[in-house]
Protein backbone atom coordinates (compact mmCIF):
# COMPACT_ATOMS: atom_id res chain seq x y z
CA UNK A 1 0.00 0.00 0.00
CA UNK A 2 1.34 3.42 -0.94
CA UNK A 3 -0.14 6.33 1.04
CA UNK A 4 1.16 9.85 1.06
CA UNK A 5 0.48 12.05 4.08
CA UNK A 6 -1.11 15.17 2.64
CA UNK A 7 -2.38 17.21 5.59
CA UNK A 8 -3.15 17.43 9.29
CA UNK A 9 -5.79 14.71 8.95
CA UNK A 10 -3.42 12.27 7.26
CA UNK A 11 -3.26 9.95 10.26
CA UNK A 12 -7.02 9.53 10.12
CA UNK A 13 -6.77 8.58 6.47
CA UNK A 14 -4.25 5.90 7.31
CA UNK A 15 -6.44 4.51 10.07
CA UNK A 16 -9.56 4.50 7.94
CA UNK A 17 -7.90 2.77 5.03
CA UNK A 18 -6.01 0.07 6.89
CA UNK A 19 -5.96 -1.09 10.53
CA UNK A 20 -2.54 -2.64 10.05
CA UNK A 21 -1.36 -1.53 6.65
CA UNK A 22 -3.88 -3.79 4.90
CA UNK A 23 -2.74 -6.96 6.65
CA UNK A 24 -6.14 -7.57 8.23
CA UNK A 25 -8.18 -7.63 5.04
CA UNK A 26 -8.96 -11.33 5.35
CA UNK A 27 -9.26 -11.41 9.16
CA UNK A 28 -12.17 -10.59 11.48
CA UNK A 29 -13.69 -7.13 11.43
CA UNK A 30 -11.77 -4.59 13.54
CA UNK A 31 -13.38 -3.84 16.90
CA UNK A 32 -14.49 -0.44 18.12
CA UNK A 33 -13.83 0.81 21.65
CA UNK A 34 -17.42 0.10 22.89
CA UNK A 35 -17.15 -3.46 21.58
CA UNK A 36 -13.80 -3.96 23.28
CA UNK A 37 -15.16 -2.61 26.57
CA UNK A 38 -18.20 -4.91 26.41
CA UNK A 39 -15.95 -7.93 25.94
CA UNK A 40 -13.65 -6.85 28.77
CA UNK A 41 -16.56 -6.38 31.18
CA UNK A 42 -17.89 -9.86 30.43
CA UNK A 43 -14.62 -11.80 30.20
CA UNK A 44 -11.94 -10.05 32.24
CA UNK A 45 -11.15 -12.65 34.94
CA UNK A 46 -10.15 -10.03 37.52
CA UNK A 47 -13.51 -8.28 37.18
CA UNK A 48 -15.39 -11.59 37.28
CA UNK A 49 -13.57 -12.56 40.48
CA UNK A 50 -14.41 -9.21 42.07
CA UNK A 51 -18.05 -9.62 41.06
CA UNK A 52 -18.19 -13.00 42.79
CA UNK A 53 -16.72 -11.38 45.90
CA UNK A 54 -19.61 -8.91 45.93
CA UNK A 55 -22.09 -11.79 45.73
CA UNK A 56 -20.30 -13.58 48.56
CA UNK A 57 -20.46 -10.45 50.70
CA UNK A 58 -24.16 -10.11 49.89
CA UNK A 59 -24.72 -13.66 51.17
CA UNK A 60 -23.37 -12.59 54.57
CA UNK A 61 -26.54 -10.52 55.01
CA UNK A 62 -28.48 -13.77 55.38
CA UNK A 63 -26.24 -14.85 58.25
CA UNK A 64 -26.51 -11.44 59.91
CA UNK A 65 -30.31 -11.62 59.90
CA UNK A 66 -30.60 -15.05 61.50
CA UNK A 67 -32.19 -15.25 64.94
CA UNK A 68 -30.86 -17.34 67.82
CA UNK A 69 -31.82 -21.00 67.61
CA UNK A 70 -33.73 -22.51 70.55
CA UNK A 71 -32.28 -25.50 72.42
CA UNK A 72 -34.23 -28.63 73.29
CA UNK A 73 -32.76 -31.15 75.72
CA UNK A 74 -34.23 -34.43 76.89
CA UNK A 75 -32.67 -36.74 79.43
CA UNK A 76 -33.62 -39.80 81.43
CA UNK A 77 -32.38 -41.62 84.51
CA UNK A 78 -33.08 -45.06 86.03
CA UNK A 79 -35.14 -45.93 82.98
CA UNK A 80 -34.34 -49.66 83.30
CA UNK A 81 -35.82 -49.95 86.79
CA UNK A 82 -39.48 -50.91 87.39
CA UNK A 83 -41.81 -47.94 87.36
CA UNK A 84 -43.30 -48.93 90.73
CA UNK A 85 -39.98 -49.01 92.57
CA UNK A 86 -40.43 -46.25 95.17
CA UNK A 87 -36.77 -46.14 96.11
CA UNK A 88 -35.37 -45.53 92.64
CA UNK A 89 -38.11 -44.36 90.25
CA UNK A 90 -37.24 -43.60 86.65
CA UNK A 91 -36.94 -39.96 85.62
CA UNK A 92 -37.53 -38.15 82.31
CA UNK A 93 -36.68 -34.48 81.86
CA UNK A 94 -37.41 -32.31 78.83
CA UNK A 95 -35.96 -28.79 78.62
CA UNK A 96 -36.64 -26.08 76.02
CA UNK A 97 -34.61 -22.84 76.18
CA UNK A 98 -33.70 -19.88 74.01
CA UNK A 99 -31.32 -16.94 74.28
CA UNK A 100 -33.03 -13.58 73.76
CA UNK A 101 -30.85 -10.83 72.35
CA UNK A 102 -31.18 -7.35 73.76
CA UNK A 103 -29.97 -4.00 72.49
CA UNK A 104 -31.26 -4.62 68.93
CA UNK A 105 -28.23 -6.75 68.09
CA UNK A 106 -29.90 -8.31 65.05
CA UNK A 107 -30.80 -4.91 63.65
CA UNK A 108 -27.26 -3.60 63.97
CA UNK A 109 -25.80 -6.82 62.55
CA UNK A 110 -28.03 -6.33 59.50
CA UNK A 111 -26.96 -2.70 59.21
CA UNK A 112 -23.29 -3.74 59.36
CA UNK A 113 -23.85 -6.45 56.73
CA UNK A 114 -25.79 -4.10 54.43
CA UNK A 115 -23.15 -1.39 54.77
CA UNK A 116 -20.38 -3.92 54.11
CA UNK A 117 -22.14 -5.02 50.93
CA UNK A 118 -22.49 -1.40 49.82
CA UNK A 119 -18.79 -0.72 50.40
CA UNK A 120 -17.80 -3.92 48.60
CA UNK A 121 -20.04 -3.09 45.64
CA UNK A 122 -18.56 0.40 45.39
CA UNK A 123 -15.06 -1.08 45.54
CA UNK A 124 -16.03 -3.40 42.69
CA UNK A 125 -17.32 -0.43 40.70
CA UNK A 126 -14.01 1.32 41.33
CA UNK A 127 -12.12 -1.75 40.15
CA UNK A 128 -14.28 -1.80 37.04
CA UNK A 129 -13.48 1.89 36.52
CA UNK A 130 -9.76 1.10 36.73
CA UNK A 131 -10.12 -1.79 34.29
CA UNK A 132 -12.03 0.43 31.86
CA UNK A 133 -9.19 2.96 32.02
CA UNK A 134 -6.63 0.23 31.33
CA UNK A 135 -8.66 -1.03 28.38
CA UNK A 136 -9.10 2.48 26.97
CA UNK A 137 -5.38 3.19 27.28
CA UNK A 138 -4.49 -0.15 25.69
CA UNK A 139 -7.01 0.46 22.89
CA UNK A 140 -5.57 3.91 22.19
CA UNK A 141 -2.02 2.57 22.28
CA UNK A 142 -2.93 -0.12 19.78
CA UNK A 143 -4.74 2.39 17.59
CA UNK A 144 -1.64 4.57 17.64
CA UNK A 145 0.56 1.55 16.95
CA UNK A 146 -1.54 0.71 13.88
CA UNK A 147 -1.24 4.29 12.67
CA UNK A 148 2.50 4.34 13.37
CA UNK A 149 2.93 1.15 11.36
CA UNK A 150 0.99 2.70 8.48
CA UNK A 151 3.19 5.82 8.67
CA UNK A 152 6.33 3.69 8.74
CA UNK A 153 5.08 1.65 5.77
CA UNK A 154 4.25 4.81 3.82
CA UNK A 155 7.63 6.36 4.59
CA UNK A 156 9.41 3.16 3.62
CA UNK A 157 7.51 2.83 0.33
CA UNK A 158 8.06 6.48 -0.50
CA UNK A 159 11.77 6.29 0.24
CA UNK A 160 12.17 3.13 -1.82
CA UNK A 161 10.74 5.07 -4.76
CA UNK A 162 13.28 7.81 -4.11
CA UNK A 163 16.02 5.19 -3.96
CA UNK A 164 14.79 3.74 -7.26
CA UNK A 165 14.90 7.15 -8.90
CA UNK A 166 18.38 7.71 -7.49
CA UNK A 167 19.48 4.42 -9.06
CA UNK A 168 18.23 5.67 -12.41
CA UNK A 169 20.18 8.90 -11.93
CA UNK A 170 23.26 6.90 -10.94
CA UNK A 171 23.01 4.79 -14.06
CA UNK A 172 22.60 7.92 -16.12
CA UNK A 173 25.68 9.48 -14.50
CA UNK A 174 23.60 12.24 -12.92
CA UNK A 175 24.86 11.56 -9.37
CA UNK A 176 27.96 9.94 -7.95
CA UNK A 177 28.01 6.46 -6.44
CA UNK A 178 28.89 7.99 -3.08
CA UNK A 179 25.70 10.08 -3.13
CA UNK A 180 23.68 7.04 -4.12
CA UNK A 181 25.16 4.93 -1.34
CA UNK A 182 24.44 7.64 1.20
CA UNK A 183 20.82 7.57 0.07
CA UNK A 184 20.85 3.76 0.24
CA UNK A 185 22.26 3.83 3.78
CA UNK A 186 19.32 6.00 4.87
CA UNK A 187 16.99 3.14 3.85
CA UNK A 188 18.18 1.16 6.88
CA UNK A 189 16.63 3.76 9.18
CA UNK A 190 13.25 3.51 7.46
CA UNK A 191 13.38 -0.28 7.59
CA UNK A 192 14.27 -0.14 11.27
CA UNK A 193 11.32 2.20 11.89
CA UNK A 194 8.99 -0.28 10.21
CA UNK A 195 10.29 -3.24 12.22
CA UNK A 196 9.98 -1.30 15.48
CA UNK A 197 6.46 -0.22 14.58
CA UNK A 198 5.51 -3.82 13.84
CA UNK A 199 6.85 -4.96 17.22
CA UNK A 200 5.03 -2.13 19.02
CA UNK A 201 1.78 -3.15 17.36
CA UNK A 202 2.19 -6.80 18.36
CA UNK A 203 2.87 -5.89 21.97
CA UNK A 204 -0.02 -3.41 22.09
CA UNK A 205 -2.36 -6.02 20.63
CA UNK A 206 -1.32 -8.66 23.16
CA UNK A 207 -1.77 -6.22 26.05
CA UNK A 208 -5.27 -5.25 24.93
CA UNK A 209 -6.37 -8.84 24.37
CA UNK A 210 -5.11 -9.79 27.82
CA UNK A 211 -7.33 -7.11 29.38
CA UNK A 212 -10.24 -8.41 27.30
CA UNK A 213 -9.85 -11.83 28.89
CA UNK A 214 -8.49 -13.53 25.77
CA UNK A 215 -6.14 -16.27 26.92
CA UNK A 216 -4.35 -16.76 23.58
CA UNK A 217 -3.80 -13.52 21.64
CA UNK A 218 -4.89 -13.66 18.01
CA UNK A 219 -2.39 -12.48 15.42
CA UNK A 220 -5.09 -10.97 13.18
CA UNK A 221 -6.73 -8.96 15.95
CA UNK A 222 -7.38 -5.34 14.98
CA UNK A 223 -9.21 -2.28 16.25
CA UNK A 224 -10.64 0.75 14.52
CA UNK A 225 -11.22 4.32 15.58
CA UNK A 226 -10.02 7.88 15.29
CA UNK A 227 -7.04 9.56 16.89
CA UNK A 228 -8.17 13.05 15.91
CA UNK A 229 -8.43 15.05 19.16
CA UNK A 230 -12.14 15.61 19.86
CA UNK A 231 -13.73 18.76 21.18
CA UNK A 232 -15.18 18.47 24.68
CA UNK A 233 -17.76 20.81 26.16
CA UNK A 234 -17.21 20.01 29.85
CA UNK A 235 -15.66 22.58 32.16
CA UNK A 236 -13.36 21.96 35.10
CA UNK A 237 -15.92 22.95 37.81
CA UNK A 238 -18.53 20.76 36.15
CA UNK A 239 -16.19 17.76 36.09
CA UNK A 240 -15.27 18.29 39.75
CA UNK A 241 -18.93 18.15 40.78
CA UNK A 242 -19.58 15.11 38.60
CA UNK A 243 -16.59 13.37 40.17
CA UNK A 244 -17.84 14.02 43.70
CA UNK A 245 -21.24 12.63 42.73
CA UNK A 246 -20.07 9.59 40.79
CA UNK A 247 -16.61 8.47 41.95
CA UNK A 248 -17.07 4.96 43.40
CA UNK A 249 -13.97 5.21 45.60
CA UNK A 250 -15.32 8.38 47.20
CA UNK A 251 -18.73 6.72 47.55
CA UNK A 252 -17.01 3.78 49.24
CA UNK A 253 -15.33 6.21 51.65
CA UNK A 254 -18.70 7.73 52.55
CA UNK A 255 -20.25 4.30 52.92
CA UNK A 256 -17.37 3.29 55.17
CA UNK A 257 -18.47 6.03 57.57
CA UNK A 258 -21.95 4.48 57.65
CA UNK A 259 -20.39 1.07 58.22
CA UNK A 260 -18.20 2.38 61.04
CA UNK A 261 -21.19 3.99 62.76
CA UNK A 262 -23.13 0.74 62.48
CA UNK A 263 -20.19 -1.10 64.07
CA UNK A 264 -20.27 1.39 66.97
CA UNK A 265 -23.94 0.65 67.58
CA UNK A 266 -23.35 -3.09 67.31
CA UNK A 267 -20.48 -2.86 69.82
CA UNK A 268 -22.77 -1.01 72.24
CA UNK A 269 -25.47 -3.63 71.72
CA UNK A 270 -22.98 -6.45 72.30
CA UNK A 271 -22.28 -4.91 75.69
CA UNK A 272 -25.84 -5.56 76.87
CA UNK A 273 -26.85 -8.71 78.77
CA UNK A 274 -28.73 -11.44 76.91
CA UNK A 275 -30.94 -13.64 79.14
CA UNK A 276 -31.65 -17.27 78.40
CA UNK A 277 -35.24 -18.32 79.23
CA UNK A 278 -36.24 -21.96 79.39
CA UNK A 279 -39.19 -24.20 80.27
CA UNK A 280 -38.88 -27.69 81.70
CA UNK A 281 -41.10 -30.73 82.04
CA UNK A 282 -40.11 -33.52 84.42
CA UNK A 283 -41.63 -36.92 85.09
CA UNK A 284 -40.40 -38.88 88.12
CA UNK A 285 -42.02 -42.25 88.44
CA UNK A 286 -45.72 -41.58 88.25
CA UNK A 287 -45.44 -37.89 89.09
CA UNK A 288 -45.32 -35.01 86.57
CA UNK A 289 -44.04 -31.53 87.14
CA UNK A 290 -43.20 -28.40 85.15
CA UNK A 291 -40.83 -25.53 85.76
CA UNK A 292 -38.90 -22.70 84.20
CA UNK A 293 -35.46 -21.18 84.36
CA UNK A 294 -33.90 -17.81 83.57
CA UNK A 295 -30.16 -17.44 83.09
CA UNK A 296 -28.71 -13.93 83.17
CA UNK A 297 -24.94 -13.47 82.72
CA UNK A 298 -23.47 -11.05 85.18
CA UNK A 299 -21.27 -8.76 83.09
CA UNK A 300 -19.12 -7.56 85.94
CA UNK A 301 -15.80 -7.49 84.10
CA UNK A 302 -16.49 -7.88 80.39
CA UNK A 303 -18.89 -5.26 79.10
CA UNK A 304 -17.33 -5.15 75.62
CA UNK A 305 -15.33 -2.06 76.55
CA UNK A 306 -12.50 -2.77 74.11
CA UNK A 307 -14.77 -3.10 71.05
CA UNK A 308 -16.70 0.00 72.04
CA UNK A 309 -13.52 2.05 72.13
CA UNK A 310 -12.08 0.48 68.98
CA UNK A 311 -15.20 1.04 66.88
CA UNK A 312 -15.46 4.68 67.95
CA UNK A 313 -11.86 5.30 66.96
CA UNK A 314 -12.49 3.52 63.66
CA UNK A 315 -15.50 5.76 63.08
CA UNK A 316 -13.37 8.87 63.59
CA UNK A 317 -10.76 7.40 61.25
CA UNK A 318 -13.43 6.77 58.58
CA UNK A 319 -14.62 10.37 58.76
CA UNK A 320 -11.08 11.65 58.25
CA UNK A 321 -10.59 9.17 55.41
CA UNK A 322 -13.74 10.51 53.74
CA UNK A 323 -12.32 14.04 53.86
CA UNK A 324 -9.04 12.80 52.39
CA UNK A 325 -10.94 10.94 49.64
CA UNK A 326 -12.88 14.08 48.75
CA UNK A 327 -9.69 16.13 48.51
CA UNK A 328 -8.12 13.38 46.38
CA UNK A 329 -11.06 13.44 43.96
CA UNK A 330 -10.70 17.18 43.37
CA UNK A 331 -6.93 16.87 43.01
CA UNK A 332 -7.23 14.01 40.52
CA UNK A 333 -9.64 15.97 38.33
CA UNK A 334 -7.49 19.11 38.44
CA UNK A 335 -4.34 17.22 37.47
CA UNK A 336 -6.09 15.30 34.71
CA UNK A 337 -7.52 18.56 33.35
CA UNK A 338 -4.08 20.18 33.32
CA UNK A 339 -2.62 17.18 31.48
CA UNK A 340 -5.45 17.30 28.93
CA UNK A 341 -5.11 21.01 28.15
CA UNK A 342 -1.34 20.70 27.80
CA UNK A 343 -1.62 17.67 25.49
CA UNK A 344 -4.33 19.37 23.42
CA UNK A 345 -2.23 22.50 22.90
CA UNK A 346 0.72 20.41 21.73
CA UNK A 347 -1.42 18.32 19.37
CA UNK A 348 -3.03 21.42 17.85
CA UNK A 349 0.37 22.95 17.15
CA UNK A 350 1.46 19.84 15.28
CA UNK A 351 -1.82 19.29 13.44
CA UNK A 352 -2.38 22.91 12.47
CA UNK A 353 1.16 23.92 11.62
CA UNK A 354 4.13 21.57 11.77
CA UNK A 355 2.69 18.60 9.84
CA UNK A 356 1.77 20.65 6.78
CA UNK A 357 5.03 22.58 6.99
CA UNK A 358 7.12 19.40 7.06
CA UNK A 359 5.27 18.15 3.98
CA UNK A 360 5.96 21.35 2.08
CA UNK A 361 9.65 21.35 3.04
CA UNK A 362 10.07 17.72 2.00
CA UNK A 363 8.25 18.22 -1.29
CA UNK A 364 10.24 21.37 -2.15
CA UNK A 365 13.63 19.87 -1.28
CA UNK A 366 12.79 16.63 -3.08
CA UNK A 367 11.96 18.60 -6.20
CA UNK A 368 15.05 20.79 -5.82
CA UNK A 369 17.33 17.81 -5.23
CA UNK A 370 16.05 15.93 -8.26
CA UNK A 371 16.67 19.01 -10.38
CA UNK A 372 20.05 19.85 -8.91
CA UNK A 373 18.92 22.79 -6.82
CA UNK A 374 19.58 21.27 -3.34
CA UNK A 375 22.29 19.16 -1.80
CA UNK A 376 21.87 15.56 -0.74
CA UNK A 377 22.34 16.51 2.93
CA UNK A 378 19.51 19.06 2.72
CA UNK A 379 17.21 16.47 1.19
CA UNK A 380 18.05 13.79 3.77
CA UNK A 381 17.52 16.30 6.60
CA UNK A 382 14.10 17.14 5.16
CA UNK A 383 13.20 13.45 5.07
CA UNK A 384 14.24 12.99 8.71
CA UNK A 385 12.26 16.06 9.77
CA UNK A 386 9.22 14.88 7.83
CA UNK A 387 9.30 11.44 9.43
CA UNK A 388 9.91 12.74 12.94
CA UNK A 389 7.23 15.46 12.73
CA UNK A 390 4.58 12.94 11.65
CA UNK A 391 5.53 10.52 14.41
CA UNK A 392 5.50 13.36 16.95
CA UNK A 393 2.08 14.47 15.69
CA UNK A 394 0.80 10.93 16.05
CA UNK A 395 2.23 10.75 19.57
CA UNK A 396 0.65 14.10 20.46
CA UNK A 397 -2.78 12.94 19.28
CA UNK A 398 -2.33 9.71 21.20
CA UNK A 399 -1.46 11.67 24.33
CA UNK A 400 -4.61 13.76 23.99
CA UNK A 401 -6.74 10.63 23.99
CA UNK A 402 -4.84 9.13 26.91
CA UNK A 403 -5.37 12.34 28.87
CA UNK A 404 -9.09 12.27 27.98
CA UNK A 405 -9.31 8.70 29.26
CA UNK A 406 -7.56 9.79 32.45
CA UNK A 407 -9.93 12.73 32.80
CA UNK A 408 -12.93 10.43 32.31
CA UNK A 409 -11.45 8.13 34.93
CA UNK A 410 -10.87 10.96 37.40
CA UNK A 411 -14.38 12.35 36.93
CA UNK A 412 -16.05 8.92 36.69
CA UNK A 413 -17.94 10.09 33.63
CA UNK A 414 -17.57 9.66 29.88
CA UNK A 415 -16.03 12.86 28.57
CA UNK A 416 -16.36 11.65 24.99
CA UNK A 417 -19.44 9.43 24.39
């Protein structure tokens, strides 16, 4: 494939025409970012494991809501002796008892279990948010690697044409063999660029497929999309408020305060005395009798003082952690916004100025060199500048997208739908 970069949107042309320089024509259709994210959410083993942990935590709510089981005891004595033996009559005793919890222990256990489930679910959502960021970054890196390979292929094809024309000039005696060999030596750099770009693409593809839960990476895997920096309408204050409302790690910090307060109440409840009330039926010989019993522990020494103090300190710690989490949210959004604006400014300078300028310089010096108006060194310098400017422009566009993904991650919202 022979593509010439003809303007600031040249990288998009390369991406649209060929995911990997035309090598995927017979393979499966390239995947878009939403498709990749859907696969990752359903197959990423780390996310699936975290989801099962949430379900396991949810099951603990059943245990927390269980009431105390009653106890039934039956015993007998002298059952082998005759019933009419007055000296040693047989005896049967049946006892039914149950511990009654005071201080609303069951209620606070349920509150602790519910709050624990909420925190665990928010932690899962935060892990999913992190995985989505990793997938987005890997997708963008692969998209850039595909574009870089297309740029390297285009540069290599274009330079081979130049080398072919130089061979014609050499044969015609228009240039010296030394000049031709200097041009031929430059080919090694273009070939090295292509090989490096191919390796980068393979590694980027393997990394993305790993995050998607694909055990064995496919060689013909490809993605499709645009690296053109998009326009976003969100403002920094708006993103800060959205982050405070939607960040799952901050939500988990707030829910941890609720959990800590529930643990305080449970510790207080565990310090109350739970009586055991029982009823008893007894048959001795031919006589029947009934009775009852009440057992009340005397909490003289152990009144759960240690847990009461610990849970209160944990509650204070959770409140401070919530404040720290809130400050971290704002800081994350501010830093991500700064990185985005800086990356966008750099990309716009390349796309709006340097890319087109490098194309004009290369075209002018190529024309001048072929007609004897420029030296070989000037022409080779123009080729190097052209190649480097296009790779830098590609890297700048890639960095804009990576910063957008980071900003979406920091704000817990999709900046670009």
